[in-house]
C-alpha atoms as a PDB file:
ATOM      1  CA  UNK A   1       0.008  -0.265   0.355  1.00  0.00           C
ATOM      2  CA  UNK A   2       1.499   3.325  -0.913  1.00  0.00           C
ATOM      3  CA  UNK A   3       2.747   5.418   2.203  1.00  0.00           C
ATOM      4  CA  UNK A   4       1.434   8.830   2.685  1.00  0.00           C
ATOM      5  CA  UNK A   5       4.226  11.362   3.498  1.00  0.00           C
ATOM      6  CA  UNK A   6       2.656  14.639   3.740  1.00  0.00           C
ATOM      7  CA  UNK A   7       4.331  17.806   5.197  1.00  0.00           C
ATOM      8  CA  UNK A   8       2.529  21.173   5.961  1.00  0.00           C
ATOM      9  CA  UNK A   9       4.141  24.359   6.227  1.00  0.00           C
ATOM     10  CA  UNK A  10       2.710  27.690   6.794  1.00  0.00           C
ATOM     11  CA  UNK A  11       3.733  30.683   4.437  1.00  0.00           C
ATOM     12  CA  UNK A  12       6.607  33.042   5.648  1.00  0.00           C
ATOM     13  CA  UNK A  13       3.880  35.652   5.635  1.00  0.00           C
ATOM     14  CA  UNK A  14       2.021  33.866   8.574  1.00  0.00           C
ATOM     15  CA  UNK A  15       5.307  33.315  10.322  1.00  0.00           C
ATOM     16  CA  UNK A  16       5.897  37.145  10.214  1.00  0.00           C
ATOM     17  CA  UNK A  17       2.582  38.268  11.226  1.00  0.00           C
ATOM     18  CA  UNK A  18       2.544  36.205  13.733  1.00  0.00           C
ATOM     19  CA  UNK A  19       5.569  37.855  15.204  1.00  0.00           C
ATOM     20  CA  UNK A  20       8.718  36.875  17.403  1.00  0.00           C
ATOM     21  CA  UNK A  21       6.022  34.433  19.941  1.00  0.00           C
ATOM     22  CA  UNK A  22       6.747  31.374  17.805  1.00  0.00           C
ATOM     23  CA  UNK A  23       9.841  32.161  16.916  1.00  0.00           C
ATOM     24  CA  UNK A  24      11.624  29.513  19.629  1.00  0.00           C
ATOM     25  CA  UNK A  25       8.858  27.131  18.413  1.00  0.00           C
ATOM     26  CA  UNK A  26       9.838  26.858  14.497  1.00  0.00           C
ATOM     27  CA  UNK A  27      10.871  23.640  14.569  1.00  0.00           C
ATOM     28  CA  UNK A  28       9.922  19.966  12.553  1.00  0.00           C
ATOM     29  CA  UNK A  29       7.483  17.926  14.326  1.00  0.00           C
ATOM     30  CA  UNK A  30       6.883  14.179  13.186  1.00  0.00           C
ATOM     31  CA  UNK A  31       3.449  12.311  13.679  1.00  0.00           C
ATOM     32  CA  UNK A  32       3.784   8.822  13.537  1.00  0.00           C
ATOM     33  CA  UNK A  33       1.092   6.429  13.053  1.00  0.00           C
ATOM     34  CA  UNK A  34       0.647   2.757  12.949  1.00  0.00           C
ATOM     35  CA  UNK A  35      -1.690   0.975  10.852  1.00  0.00           C
ATOM     36  CA  UNK A  36      -4.017   1.915   7.877  1.00  0.00           C
ATOM     37  CA  UNK A  37      -6.299  -1.262   8.765  1.00  0.00           C
ATOM     38  CA  UNK A  38      -8.204   1.443  10.760  1.00  0.00           C
ATOM     39  CA  UNK A  39      -9.230   4.861   8.694  1.00  0.00           C
ATOM     40  CA  UNK A  40      -9.058   6.312  11.966  1.00  0.00           C
ATOM     41  CA  UNK A  41      -5.554   7.382  11.201  1.00  0.00           C
ATOM     42  CA  UNK A  42      -6.450   8.971   7.477  1.00  0.00           C
ATOM     43  CA  UNK A  43      -9.357  10.415   8.667  1.00  0.00           C
ATOM     44  CA  UNK A  44      -9.163  12.130  11.881  1.00  0.00           C
ATOM     45  CA  UNK A  45      -5.810  11.600  13.827  1.00  0.00           C
ATOM     46  CA  UNK A  46      -3.600  13.215  10.903  1.00  0.00           C
ATOM     47  CA  UNK A  47      -5.724  15.940   9.967  1.00  0.00           C
ATOM     48  CA  UNK A  48      -6.567  16.880  13.757  1.00  0.00           C
ATOM     49  CA  UNK A  49      -2.910  17.073  14.636  1.00  0.00           C
ATOM     50  CA  UNK A  50      -2.301  19.098  11.494  1.00  0.00           C
ATOM     51  CA  UNK A  51      -5.036  21.716  12.003  1.00  0.00           C
ATOM     52  CA  UNK A  52      -4.078  22.360  15.783  1.00  0.00           C
ATOM     53  CA  UNK A  53      -0.364  22.312  14.671  1.00  0.00           C
ATOM     54  CA  UNK A  54      -1.419  25.397  12.072  1.00  0.00           C
ATOM     55  CA  UNK A  55      -2.941  27.454  14.996  1.00  0.00           C
ATOM     56  CA  UNK A  56      -0.520  26.793  17.497  1.00  0.00           C
ATOM     57  CA  UNK A  57       2.912  27.155  15.737  1.00  0.00           C
ATOM     58  CA  UNK A  58       1.815  28.053  11.845  1.00  0.00           C
ATOM     59  CA  UNK A  59       5.500  28.112  11.258  1.00  0.00           C
ATOM     60  CA  UNK A  60       6.554  24.491  12.470  1.00  0.00           C
ATOM     61  CA  UNK A  61       6.945  21.523   9.919  1.00  0.00           C
ATOM     62  CA  UNK A  62       4.786  18.713  10.468  1.00  0.00           C
ATOM     63  CA  UNK A  63       5.818  15.170   8.734  1.00  0.00           C
ATOM     64  CA  UNK A  64       3.047  12.580   9.079  1.00  0.00           C
ATOM     65  CA  UNK A  65       4.208   9.160   7.698  1.00  0.00           C
ATOM     66  CA  UNK A  66       1.997   5.493   8.809  1.00  0.00           C
ATOM     67  CA  UNK A  67       3.903   2.445   8.749  1.00  0.00           C
ATOM     68  CA  UNK A  68       1.067  -0.049   7.591  1.00  0.00           C
ATOM     69  CA  UNK A  69       1.477  -2.031  10.432  1.00  0.00           C
ATOM     70  CA  UNK A  70       5.321  -3.038   9.868  1.00  0.00           C
ATOM     71  CA  UNK A  71       7.453  -2.560  12.995  1.00  0.00           C
ATOM     72  CA  UNK A  72      10.369  -2.521  10.543  1.00  0.00           C
ATOM     73  CA  UNK A  73       9.377   0.220   8.220  1.00  0.00           C
ATOM     74  CA  UNK A  74       7.849   2.873  11.410  1.00  0.00           C
ATOM     75  CA  UNK A  75      11.618   2.117  12.629  1.00  0.00           C
ATOM     76  CA  UNK A  76      13.166   3.064   9.574  1.00  0.00           C
ATOM     77  CA  UNK A  77      10.350   6.318   9.719  1.00  0.00           C
ATOM     78  CA  UNK A  78      11.582   7.334  12.827  1.00  0.00           C
ATOM     79  CA  UNK A  79      15.397   7.022  11.958  1.00  0.00           C
ATOM     80  CA  UNK A  80      14.133   9.366   9.242  1.00  0.00           C
ATOM     81  CA  UNK A  81      12.430  12.192  10.876  1.00  0.00           C
ATOM     82  CA  UNK A  82      15.078  12.077  13.573  1.00  0.00           C
ATOM     83  CA  UNK A  83      17.194  12.595  10.703  1.00  0.00           C
ATOM     84  CA  UNK A  84      14.916  15.428   9.170  1.00  0.00           C
ATOM     85  CA  UNK A  85      15.526  17.236  12.443  1.00  0.00           C
ATOM     86  CA  UNK A  86      12.358  16.480  14.574  1.00  0.00           C
ATOM     87  CA  UNK A  87      12.416  17.992  17.636  1.00  0.00           C
ATOM     88  CA  UNK A  88       9.442  16.689  18.908  1.00  0.00           C
ATOM     89  CA  UNK A  89       7.890  12.784  17.947  1.00  0.00           C
ATOM     90  CA  UNK A  90       4.226  12.002  17.760  1.00  0.00           C
ATOM     91  CA  UNK A  91       4.547   8.069  18.239  1.00  0.00           C
ATOM     92  CA  UNK A  92       1.759   5.490  17.781  1.00  0.00           C
ATOM     93  CA  UNK A  93       3.882   2.138  17.923  1.00  0.00           C
ATOM     94  CA  UNK A  94       3.173  -0.802  15.782  1.00  0.00           C
ATOM     95  CA  UNK A  95       4.846  -2.821  18.423  1.00  0.00           C
ATOM     96  CA  UNK A  96       4.479  -0.716  22.070  1.00  0.00           C
ATOM     97  CA  UNK A  97       7.760  -3.536  23.342  1.00  0.00           C
ATOM     98  CA  UNK A  98       9.950  -2.580  20.113  1.00  0.00           C
ATOM     99  CA  UNK A  99       9.367   1.246  20.416  1.00  0.00           C
ATOM    100  CA  UNK A 100      10.850   1.110  24.288  1.00  0.00           C
ATOM    101  CA  UNK A 101      14.308   1.532  21.332  1.00  0.00           C
ATOM    102  CA  UNK A 102      12.989   3.866  19.630  1.00  0.00           C
ATOM    103  CA  UNK A 103      11.740   6.198  22.400  1.00  0.00           C
ATOM    104  CA  UNK A 104      15.474   5.939  24.143  1.00  0.00           C
ATOM    105  CA  UNK A 105      17.485   6.729  21.197  1.00  0.00           C
ATOM    106  CA  UNK A 106      15.461   9.734  20.614  1.00  0.00           C
ATOM    107  CA  UNK A 107      15.723  10.852  24.010  1.00  0.00           C
ATOM    108  CA  UNK A 108      19.508  10.367  23.656  1.00  0.00           C
ATOM    109  CA  UNK A 109      19.939  13.137  21.479  1.00  0.00           C
ATOM    110  CA  UNK A 110      17.122  15.302  23.135  1.00  0.00           C
ATOM    111  CA  UNK A 111      14.465  14.844  21.050  1.00  0.00           C
ATOM    112  CA  UNK A 112      10.717  14.548  22.926  1.00  0.00           C
ATOM    113  CA  UNK A 113       8.809  11.363  22.304  1.00  0.00           C
ATOM    114  CA  UNK A 114       4.725  11.860  23.052  1.00  0.00           C
ATOM    115  CA  UNK A 115       3.466   7.792  23.100  1.00  0.00           C
ATOM    116  CA  UNK A 116      -0.401   8.484  21.632  1.00  0.00           C
ATOM    117  CA  UNK A 117      -3.263   6.471  21.956  1.00  0.00           C
ATOM    118  CA  UNK A 118      -0.518   3.210  22.502  1.00  0.00           C
ATOM    119  CA  UNK A 119       1.701   3.103  25.524  1.00  0.00           C
ATOM    120  CA  UNK A 120       5.456   2.299  25.714  1.00  0.00           C
ATOM    121  CA  UNK A 121       5.466   0.436  28.744  1.00  0.00           C
ATOM    122  CA  UNK A 122       9.275  -0.526  28.867  1.00  0.00           C
ATOM    123  CA  UNK A 123      10.947   2.789  28.095  1.00  0.00           C
ATOM    124  CA  UNK A 124       8.944   6.027  29.677  1.00  0.00           C
ATOM    125  CA  UNK A 125       8.104   8.818  26.817  1.00  0.00           C
ATOM    126  CA  UNK A 126       8.409  12.258  27.443  1.00  0.00           C
ATOM    127  CA  UNK A 127       4.501  12.302  27.783  1.00  0.00           C
ATOM    128  CA  UNK A 128       1.289   9.894  26.568  1.00  0.00           C
ATOM    129  CA  UNK A 129      -1.704  11.230  25.394  1.00  0.00           C
ATOM    130  CA  UNK A 130      -4.545   8.835  24.605  1.00  0.00           C
ATOM    131  CA  UNK A 131      -8.164   7.890  25.538  1.00  0.00           C
ATOM    132  CA  UNK A 132      -8.930   5.534  28.789  1.00  0.00           C
ATOM    133  CA  UNK A 133      -7.866   2.107  27.033  1.00  0.00           C
ATOM    134  CA  UNK A 134      -8.548   0.181  29.868  1.00  0.00           C
ATOM    135  CA  UNK A 135     -12.074   2.024  30.574  1.00  0.00           C
ATOM    136  CA  UNK A 136     -13.096   1.754  27.319  1.00  0.00           C
ATOM    137  CA  UNK A 137     -13.013  -2.173  26.961  1.00  0.00           C
ATOM    138  CA  UNK A 138     -14.953  -2.458  30.509  1.00  0.00           C
ATOM    139  CA  UNK A 139     -17.432   0.133  29.173  1.00  0.00           C
ATOM    140  CA  UNK A 140     -18.254  -1.911  26.000  1.00  0.00           C
ATOM    141  CA  UNK A 141     -17.838  -4.811  27.922  1.00  0.00           C
ATOM    142  CA  UNK A 142     -20.433  -3.991  30.585  1.00  0.00           C
ATOM    143  CA  UNK A 143     -22.697  -2.603  27.913  1.00  0.00           C
ATOM    144  CA  UNK A 144     -22.920  -5.983  26.533  1.00  0.00           C
ATOM    145  CA  UNK A 145     -23.787  -7.201  29.923  1.00  0.00           C
ATOM    146  CA  UNK A 146     -26.571  -5.135  30.764  1.00  0.00           C
ATOM    147  CA  UNK A 147     -28.074  -5.226  27.657  1.00  0.00           C
ATOM    148  CA  UNK A 148     -27.920  -9.259  28.233  1.00  0.00           C
ATOM    149  CA  UNK A 149     -29.198  -9.369  31.608  1.00  0.00           C
ATOM    150  CA  UNK A 150     -31.934  -7.006  30.360  1.00  0.00           C
ATOM    151  CA  UNK A 151     -32.694  -8.797  27.222  1.00  0.00           C
ATOM    152  CA  UNK A 152     -33.407 -12.114  29.966  1.00  0.00           C
ATOM    153  CA  UNK A 153     -30.153 -14.604  28.436  1.00  0.00           C
ATOM    154  CA  UNK A 154     -29.748 -16.495  31.698  1.00  0.00           C
ATOM    155  CA  UNK A 155     -26.566 -16.698  33.639  1.00  0.00           C
ATOM    156  CA  UNK A 156     -24.343 -18.970  32.191  1.00  0.00           C
ATOM    157  CA  UNK A 157     -24.975 -18.206  28.720  1.00  0.00           C
ATOM    158  CA  UNK A 158     -21.519 -17.600  26.538  1.00  0.00           C
ATOM    159  CA  UNK A 159     -19.656 -14.753  24.443  1.00  0.00           C
ATOM    160  CA  UNK A 160     -16.907 -14.544  22.578  1.00  0.00           C
ATOM    161  CA  UNK A 161     -13.978 -12.311  23.254  1.00  0.00           C
ATOM    162  CA  UNK A 162     -12.410 -10.905  20.311  1.00  0.00           C
ATOM    163  CA  UNK A 163      -9.072  -8.686  21.529  1.00  0.00           C
ATOM    164  CA  UNK A 164      -6.737  -6.633  19.611  1.00  0.00           C
ATOM    165  CA  UNK A 165      -2.780  -7.372  18.090  1.00  0.00           C
ATOM    166  CA  UNK A 166      -0.873  -8.811  20.844  1.00  0.00           C
ATOM    167  CA  UNK A 167       2.127  -6.103  19.861  1.00  0.00           C
ATOM    168  CA  UNK A 168      -0.164  -3.302  20.808  1.00  0.00           C
ATOM    169  CA  UNK A 169      -0.274  -2.108  24.199  1.00  0.00           C
ATOM    170  CA  UNK A 170      -3.198  -0.328  23.933  1.00  0.00           C
ATOM    171  CA  UNK A 171      -5.021  -3.340  23.381  1.00  0.00           C
ATOM    172  CA  UNK A 172      -3.564  -5.350  26.269  1.00  0.00           C
ATOM    173  CA  UNK A 173      -5.280  -2.271  28.437  1.00  0.00           C
ATOM    174  CA  UNK A 174      -8.660  -2.778  26.743  1.00  0.00           C
ATOM    175  CA  UNK A 175      -8.666  -6.746  27.244  1.00  0.00           C
ATOM    176  CA  UNK A 176      -7.879  -5.798  30.921  1.00  0.00           C
ATOM    177  CA  UNK A 177     -11.166  -3.704  31.355  1.00  0.00           C
ATOM    178  CA  UNK A 178     -13.426  -6.396  28.894  1.00  0.00           C
ATOM    179  CA  UNK A 179     -11.808  -8.937  31.518  1.00  0.00           C
ATOM    180  CA  UNK A 180     -12.795  -6.702  34.711  1.00  0.00           C
ATOM    181  CA  UNK A 181     -16.315  -6.587  33.149  1.00  0.00           C
ATOM    182  CA  UNK A 182     -17.050 -10.445  32.309  1.00  0.00           C
ATOM    183  CA  UNK A 183     -15.429 -11.888  35.316  1.00  0.00           C
ATOM    184  CA  UNK A 184     -17.909  -9.437  37.009  1.00  0.00           C
ATOM    185  CA  UNK A 185     -20.992 -11.104  34.721  1.00  0.00           C
ATOM    186  CA  UNK A 186     -22.888 -14.033  35.257  1.00  0.00           C
ATOM    187  CA  UNK A 187     -21.669 -15.126  31.952  1.00  0.00           C
ATOM    188  CA  UNK A 188     -18.817 -17.267  30.885  1.00  0.00           C
ATOM    189  CA  UNK A 189     -16.047 -16.839  28.090  1.00  0.00           C
ATOM    190  CA  UNK A 190     -16.400 -19.162  25.481  1.00  0.00           C
ATOM    191  CA  UNK A 191     -13.085 -18.642  23.675  1.00  0.00           C
ATOM    192  CA  UNK A 192     -10.754 -15.477  23.336  1.00  0.00           C
ATOM    193  CA  UNK A 193      -8.490 -13.997  20.696  1.00  0.00           C
ATOM    194  CA  UNK A 194      -5.756 -11.934  19.872  1.00  0.00           C
ATOM    195  CA  UNK A 195      -6.336 -10.714  16.813  1.00  0.00           C
ATOM    196  CA  UNK A 196      -2.887 -10.181  14.828  1.00  0.00           C
ATOM    197  CA  UNK A 197      -2.579  -6.565  13.826  1.00  0.00           C
ATOM    198  CA  UNK A 198      -5.874  -5.706  14.731  1.00  0.00           C
ATOM    199  CA  UNK A 199      -6.822  -7.145  10.727  1.00  0.00           C
ATOM    200  CA  UNK A 200     -10.558  -7.936  10.216  1.00  0.00           C
ATOM    201  CA  UNK A 201     -10.133 -11.089   8.455  1.00  0.00           C
ATOM    202  CA  UNK A 202      -8.415 -12.562  11.113  1.00  0.00           C
ATOM    203  CA  UNK A 203     -11.132 -11.658  13.212  1.00  0.00           C
ATOM    204  CA  UNK A 204     -13.829 -13.114  10.941  1.00  0.00           C
ATOM    205  CA  UNK A 205     -11.689 -16.258  10.508  1.00  0.00           C
ATOM    206  CA  UNK A 206     -11.282 -16.461  13.753  1.00  0.00           C
ATOM    207  CA  UNK A 207     -15.176 -16.334  14.544  1.00  0.00           C
ATOM    208  CA  UNK A 208     -16.342 -18.276  12.088  1.00  0.00           C
ATOM    209  CA  UNK A 209     -14.506 -21.074  13.424  1.00  0.00           C
ATOM    210  CA  UNK A 210     -16.134 -20.383  17.066  1.00  0.00           C
ATOM    211  CA  UNK A 211     -19.489 -20.262  14.983  1.00  0.00           C
ATOM    212  CA  UNK A 212     -19.049 -23.678  14.034  1.00  0.00           C
ATOM    213  CA  UNK A 213     -17.338 -25.248  17.166  1.00  0.00           C
ATOM    214  CA  UNK A 214     -20.236 -23.379  19.782  1.00  0.00           C
ATOM    215  CA  UNK A 215     -22.879 -22.489  17.724  1.00  0.00           C
ATOM    216  CA  UNK A 216     -26.508 -21.221  19.567  1.00  0.00           C
ATOM    217  CA  UNK A 217     -24.538 -20.833  22.059  1.00  0.00           C
ATOM    218  CA  UNK A 218     -22.785 -17.539  21.545  1.00  0.00           C
ATOM    219  CA  UNK A 219     -25.298 -15.158  23.232  1.00  0.00           C
ATOM    220  CA  UNK A 220     -22.695 -12.649  22.406  1.00  0.00           C
ATOM    221  CA  UNK A 221     -19.414 -10.978  21.285  1.00  0.00           C
ATOM    222  CA  UNK A 222     -17.037  -8.535  22.858  1.00  0.00           C
ATOM    223  CA  UNK A 223     -15.036  -7.117  20.104  1.00  0.00           C
ATOM    224  CA  UNK A 224     -12.329  -4.835  21.131  1.00  0.00           C
ATOM    225  CA  UNK A 225     -12.649  -2.039  18.005  1.00  0.00           C
ATOM    226  CA  UNK A 226     -15.002  -1.583  14.864  1.00  0.00           C
ATOM    227  CA  UNK A 227     -12.778  -3.671  12.297  1.00  0.00           C
ATOM    228  CA  UNK A 228     -12.701  -7.082  14.469  1.00  0.00           C
ATOM    229  CA  UNK A 229     -16.403  -6.294  15.716  1.00  0.00           C
ATOM    230  CA  UNK A 230     -17.165  -6.242  12.278  1.00  0.00           C
ATOM    231  CA  UNK A 231     -15.461  -9.020  11.216  1.00  0.00           C
ATOM    232  CA  UNK A 232     -17.703 -10.891  13.761  1.00  0.00           C
ATOM    233  CA  UNK A 233     -20.649  -9.787  12.176  1.00  0.00           C
ATOM    234  CA  UNK A 234     -19.474 -10.702   8.972  1.00  0.00           C
ATOM    235  CA  UNK A 235     -18.702 -14.367  10.146  1.00  0.00           C
ATOM    236  CA  UNK A 236     -22.206 -14.649  11.715  1.00  0.00           C
ATOM    237  CA  UNK A 237     -24.212 -13.458   8.211  1.00  0.00           C
ATOM    238  CA  UNK A 238     -22.016 -15.854   6.276  1.00  0.00           C
ATOM    239  CA  UNK A 239     -22.989 -18.899   8.557  1.00  0.00           C
ATOM    240  CA  UNK A 240     -26.571 -17.771   8.157  1.00  0.00           C
ATOM    241  CA  UNK A 241     -27.020 -16.615  11.827  1.00  0.00           C
ATOM    242  CA  UNK A 242     -30.460 -14.443  11.869  1.00  0.00           C
ATOM    243  CA  UNK A 243     -30.587 -12.411  13.874  1.00  0.00           C
ATOM    244  CA  UNK A 244     -26.577 -11.834  14.523  1.00  0.00           C
ATOM    245  CA  UNK A 245     -25.905 -12.055  18.605  1.00  0.00           C
ATOM    246  CA  UNK A 246     -25.019  -8.404  19.951  1.00  0.00           C
ATOM    247  CA  UNK A 247     -21.795  -7.424  19.141  1.00  0.00           C
ATOM    248  CA  UNK A 248     -19.520  -4.573  20.585  1.00  0.00           C
ATOM    249  CA  UNK A 249     -16.883  -2.066  19.137  1.00  0.00           C
ATOM    250  CA  UNK A 250     -14.605   0.683  19.358  1.00  0.00           C
ATOM    251  CA  UNK A 251     -13.906   4.045  16.732  1.00  0.00           C
ATOM    252  CA  UNK A 252     -17.463   4.714  15.915  1.00  0.00           C
ATOM    253  CA  UNK A 253     -16.155   4.452  12.645  1.00  0.00           C
ATOM    254  CA  UNK A 254     -18.666   4.897   9.463  1.00  0.00           C
ATOM    255  CA  UNK A 255     -19.156   1.390   8.677  1.00  0.00           C
ATOM    256  CA  UNK A 256     -19.649   0.493  12.500  1.00  0.00           C
ATOM    257  CA  UNK A 257     -22.442   3.429  12.578  1.00  0.00           C
ATOM    258  CA  UNK A 258     -24.034   1.829   9.782  1.00  0.00           C
ATOM    259  CA  UNK A 259     -24.031  -2.169  11.324  1.00  0.00           C
ATOM    260  CA  UNK A 260     -25.602  -0.213  14.730  1.00  0.00           C
ATOM    261  CA  UNK A 261     -28.095   1.600  12.347  1.00  0.00           C
ATOM    262  CA  UNK A 262     -29.419  -1.957  10.684  1.00  0.00           C
ATOM    263  CA  UNK A 263     -29.007  -3.948  13.967  1.00  0.00           C
ATOM    264  CA  UNK A 264     -26.133  -6.042  13.182  1.00  0.00           C
ATOM    265  CA  UNK A 265     -23.807  -4.647  15.550  1.00  0.00           C
ATOM    266  CA  UNK A 266     -24.778  -2.799  19.412  1.00  0.00           C
ATOM    267  CA  UNK A 267     -22.308  -0.769  20.314  1.00  0.00           C
ATOM    268  CA  UNK A 268     -18.765   1.555  19.890  1.00  0.00           C
ATOM    269  CA  UNK A 269     -17.092   4.447  21.243  1.00  0.00           C
ATOM    270  CA  UNK A 270     -17.245   7.733  20.081  1.00  0.00           C
ATOM    271  CA  UNK A 271     -13.817   8.977  20.854  1.00  0.00           C
ATOM    272  CA  UNK A 272     -13.353  12.074  18.575  1.00  0.00           C
ATOM    273  CA  UNK A 273      -9.847  11.101  17.984  1.00  0.00           C
ATOM    274  CA  UNK A 274      -9.056  15.105  16.904  1.00  0.00           C
ATOM    275  CA  UNK A 275      -9.531  15.305  20.963  1.00  0.00           C
ATOM    276  CA  UNK A 276      -6.577  13.520  21.365  1.00  0.00           C
ATOM    277  CA  UNK A 277      -4.453  14.775  18.555  1.00  0.00           C
ATOM    278  CA  UNK A 278      -5.601  18.157  19.638  1.00  0.00           C
ATOM    279  CA  UNK A 279      -4.155  17.820  23.047  1.00  0.00           C
ATOM    280  CA  UNK A 280      -0.614  15.676  21.569  1.00  0.00           C
ATOM    281  CA  UNK A 281       0.000  19.400  19.420  1.00  0.00           C
ATOM    282  CA  UNK A 282      -0.428  21.223  22.205  1.00  0.00           C
ATOM    283  CA  UNK A 283       1.803  18.645  24.499  1.00  0.00           C
ATOM    284  CA  UNK A 284       4.419  19.245  21.130  1.00  0.00           C
ATOM    285  CA  UNK A 285       4.145  23.079  21.178  1.00  0.00           C
ATOM    286  CA  UNK A 286       4.616  23.143  24.993  1.00  0.00           C
ATOM    287  CA  UNK A 287       7.923  20.784  24.668  1.00  0.00           C
ATOM    288  CA  UNK A 288       8.732  23.054  21.828  1.00  0.00           C
ATOM    289  CA  UNK A 289       8.600  26.660  24.052  1.00  0.00           C
ATOM    290  CA  UNK A 290      10.772  24.273  26.661  1.00  0.00           C
ATOM    291  CA  UNK A 291       7.716  24.010  29.347  1.00  0.00           C
ATOM    292  CA  UNK A 292       7.024  20.775  30.999  1.00  0.00           C
ATOM    293  CA  UNK A 293       3.533  19.809  30.326  1.00  0.00           C
ATOM    294  CA  UNK A 294       1.038  19.191  33.109  1.00  0.00           C
ATOM    295  CA  UNK A 295       0.408  15.867  33.731  1.00  0.00           C
ATOM    296  CA  UNK A 296      -3.046  15.067  34.216  1.00  0.00           C
ATOM    297  CA  UNK A 297      -2.399  10.853  35.661  1.00  0.00           C
ATOM    298  CA  UNK A 298       0.282   9.002  35.404  1.00  0.00           C
ATOM    299  CA  UNK A 299       0.744   5.492  33.416  1.00  0.00           C
ATOM    300  CA  UNK A 300       3.723   3.177  33.186  1.00  0.00           C
ATOM    301  CA  UNK A 301       5.913   6.086  34.595  1.00  0.00           C
ATOM    302  CA  UNK A 302       4.872   8.620  31.855  1.00  0.00           C
ATOM    303  CA  UNK A 303       2.996  11.451  32.372  1.00  0.00           C
ATOM    304  CA  UNK A 304       0.016  11.117  30.563  1.00  0.00           C
ATOM    305  CA  UNK A 305      -3.742  12.605  29.906  1.00  0.00           C
ATOM    306  CA  UNK A 306      -6.610  10.123  29.159  1.00  0.00           C
ATOM    307  CA  UNK A 307     -10.250  11.134  27.945  1.00  0.00           C
ATOM    308  CA  UNK A 308     -13.251   9.375  29.448  1.00  0.00           C
ATOM    309  CA  UNK A 309     -15.386   8.346  25.786  1.00  0.00           C
ATOM    310  CA  UNK A 310     -18.789   7.846  25.578  1.00  0.00           C
ATOM    311  CA  UNK A 311     -20.598   4.040  24.625  1.00  0.00           C
ATOM    312  CA  UNK A 312     -22.616   4.042  21.839  1.00  0.00           C
ATOM    313  CA  UNK A 313     -25.764   2.380  21.039  1.00  0.00           C
ATOM    314  CA  UNK A 314     -28.838   2.304  18.672  1.00  0.00           C
ATOM    315  CA  UNK A 315     -30.581   4.429  21.493  1.00  0.00           C
ATOM    316  CA  UNK A 316     -28.199   7.197  21.848  1.00  0.00           C
ATOM    317  CA  UNK A 317     -26.496   7.367  18.495  1.00  0.00           C
ATOM    318  CA  UNK A 318     -28.617  10.165  17.610  1.00  0.00           C
ATOM    319  CA  UNK A 319     -27.447  12.558  20.651  1.00  0.00           C
ATOM    320  CA  UNK A 320     -23.996  10.984  20.392  1.00  0.00           C
ATOM    321  CA  UNK A 321     -23.069  11.393  16.810  1.00  0.00           C
ATOM    322  CA  UNK A 322     -25.341  13.095  15.047  1.00  0.00           C
ATOM    323  CA  UNK A 323     -26.791  16.154  17.468  1.00  0.00           C
ATOM    324  CA  UNK A 324     -22.834  16.395  18.485  1.00  0.00           C
ATOM    325  CA  UNK A 325     -22.115  17.008  14.602  1.00  0.00           C
ATOM    326  CA  UNK A 326     -19.859  13.856  14.380  1.00  0.00           C
ATOM    327  CA  UNK A 327     -21.329  12.466  11.797  1.00  0.00           C
ATOM    328  CA  UNK A 328     -23.942  13.438   9.314  1.00  0.00           C
ATOM    329  CA  UNK A 329     -26.770  11.715   8.219  1.00  0.00           C
ATOM    330  CA  UNK A 330     -25.619  12.428   4.944  1.00  0.00           C
ATOM    331  CA  UNK A 331     -22.451  10.058   5.527  1.00  0.00           C
ATOM    332  CA  UNK A 332     -24.493   7.514   7.265  1.00  0.00           C
ATOM    333  CA  UNK A 333     -27.925   6.991   5.812  1.00  0.00           C
ATOM    334  CA  UNK A 334     -27.191   6.079   2.953  1.00  0.00           C
ATOM    335  CA  UNK A 335     -28.706   3.231   0.481  1.00  0.00           C
ATOM    336  CA  UNK A 336     -30.136   0.624   2.855  1.00  0.00           C
ATOM    337  CA  UNK A 337     -29.601   2.433   6.175  1.00  0.00           C
ATOM    338  CA  UNK A 338     -31.897   5.339   4.912  1.00  0.00           C
ATOM    339  CA  UNK A 339     -34.504   3.389   6.653  1.00  0.00           C
ATOM    340  CA  UNK A 340     -32.744   2.358   9.944  1.00  0.00           C
ATOM    341  CA  UNK A 341     -32.290   6.006  10.254  1.00  0.00           C
ATOM    342  CA  UNK A 342     -35.494   7.086  10.478  1.00  0.00           C
ATOM    343  CA  UNK A 343     -36.838   4.925  12.688  1.00  0.00           C
ATOM    344  CA  UNK A 344     -34.232   5.802  14.995  1.00  0.00           C
ATOM    345  CA  UNK A 345     -35.084   9.731  14.134  1.00  0.00           C
ATOM    346  CA  UNK A 346     -31.693  10.528  12.615  1.00  0.00           C
ATOM    347  CA  UNK A 347     -33.734  11.839   9.659  1.00  0.00           C
ATOM    348  CA  UNK A 348     -37.319  12.464   8.858  1.00  0.00           C
END
């Protein structure tokens, strides 16, 4: 897949108009994302970071690269932006363990590293910005448990658990949150799977095998994000299961919102990535000014800011997604989803 490499530079005139306030900040900042399996990085994270940097430091240069789930490629990209003089690197690691060496390398050269979305447990970055991943896992699983109880599903019934990538520390936090909710519930986990690279086809293939194995015993699926959840939904549909048992998600992708509207996915997490991206830009500019950004909390010995997102189901999708302007009916309520949007009051 073609790698994206974009550079943002404001014009000299804008820099002059801004006076000397930004002179100490004129620098190169890198924004390195992990994969393209999720559309969020191209559609939300990078645009959000780019826009906030343009406001805060119009004479800064922003380099964006995506590693496409390739650890070696991300290392090359990291070395490249160091060679290009990046003073701050915002890193969402493909492999959280492998990223420790990158943090150490950058810090040895006086370069600040902001861990983004996925933490780096083995080498404290200079700051960590993310949504509360353990809280996300707990929220989506508890939402499913509450739904099963309200639907009269008997104690002892079984669910599947589809986690994210085993090389992603954030996936581990989401898994821990899911475990905490399921362990306290009256339901049992039939089987569990760590999805390589968060790849939806891997999740779909595994779910298909579990459908063959457990059949009607499966009353729900806790999937760690919308891609893996969508893979599970596709597996049930391919197996002719109707209705599809409730399936969780996370990221509020367009595809997931449409599946919720059609009744094929139970929940997702609304976490406008632009919020976290803007926070990362503010931390980056603080570092460029020589300031120490305020730590809202600490995770893995790293000063951190963790945002709390909202669970979205069919009951609140209009209020959380459309009324807040995160997505428009024109984006979501197309084709086969038009009737579902009317039924939920999203459109007339």
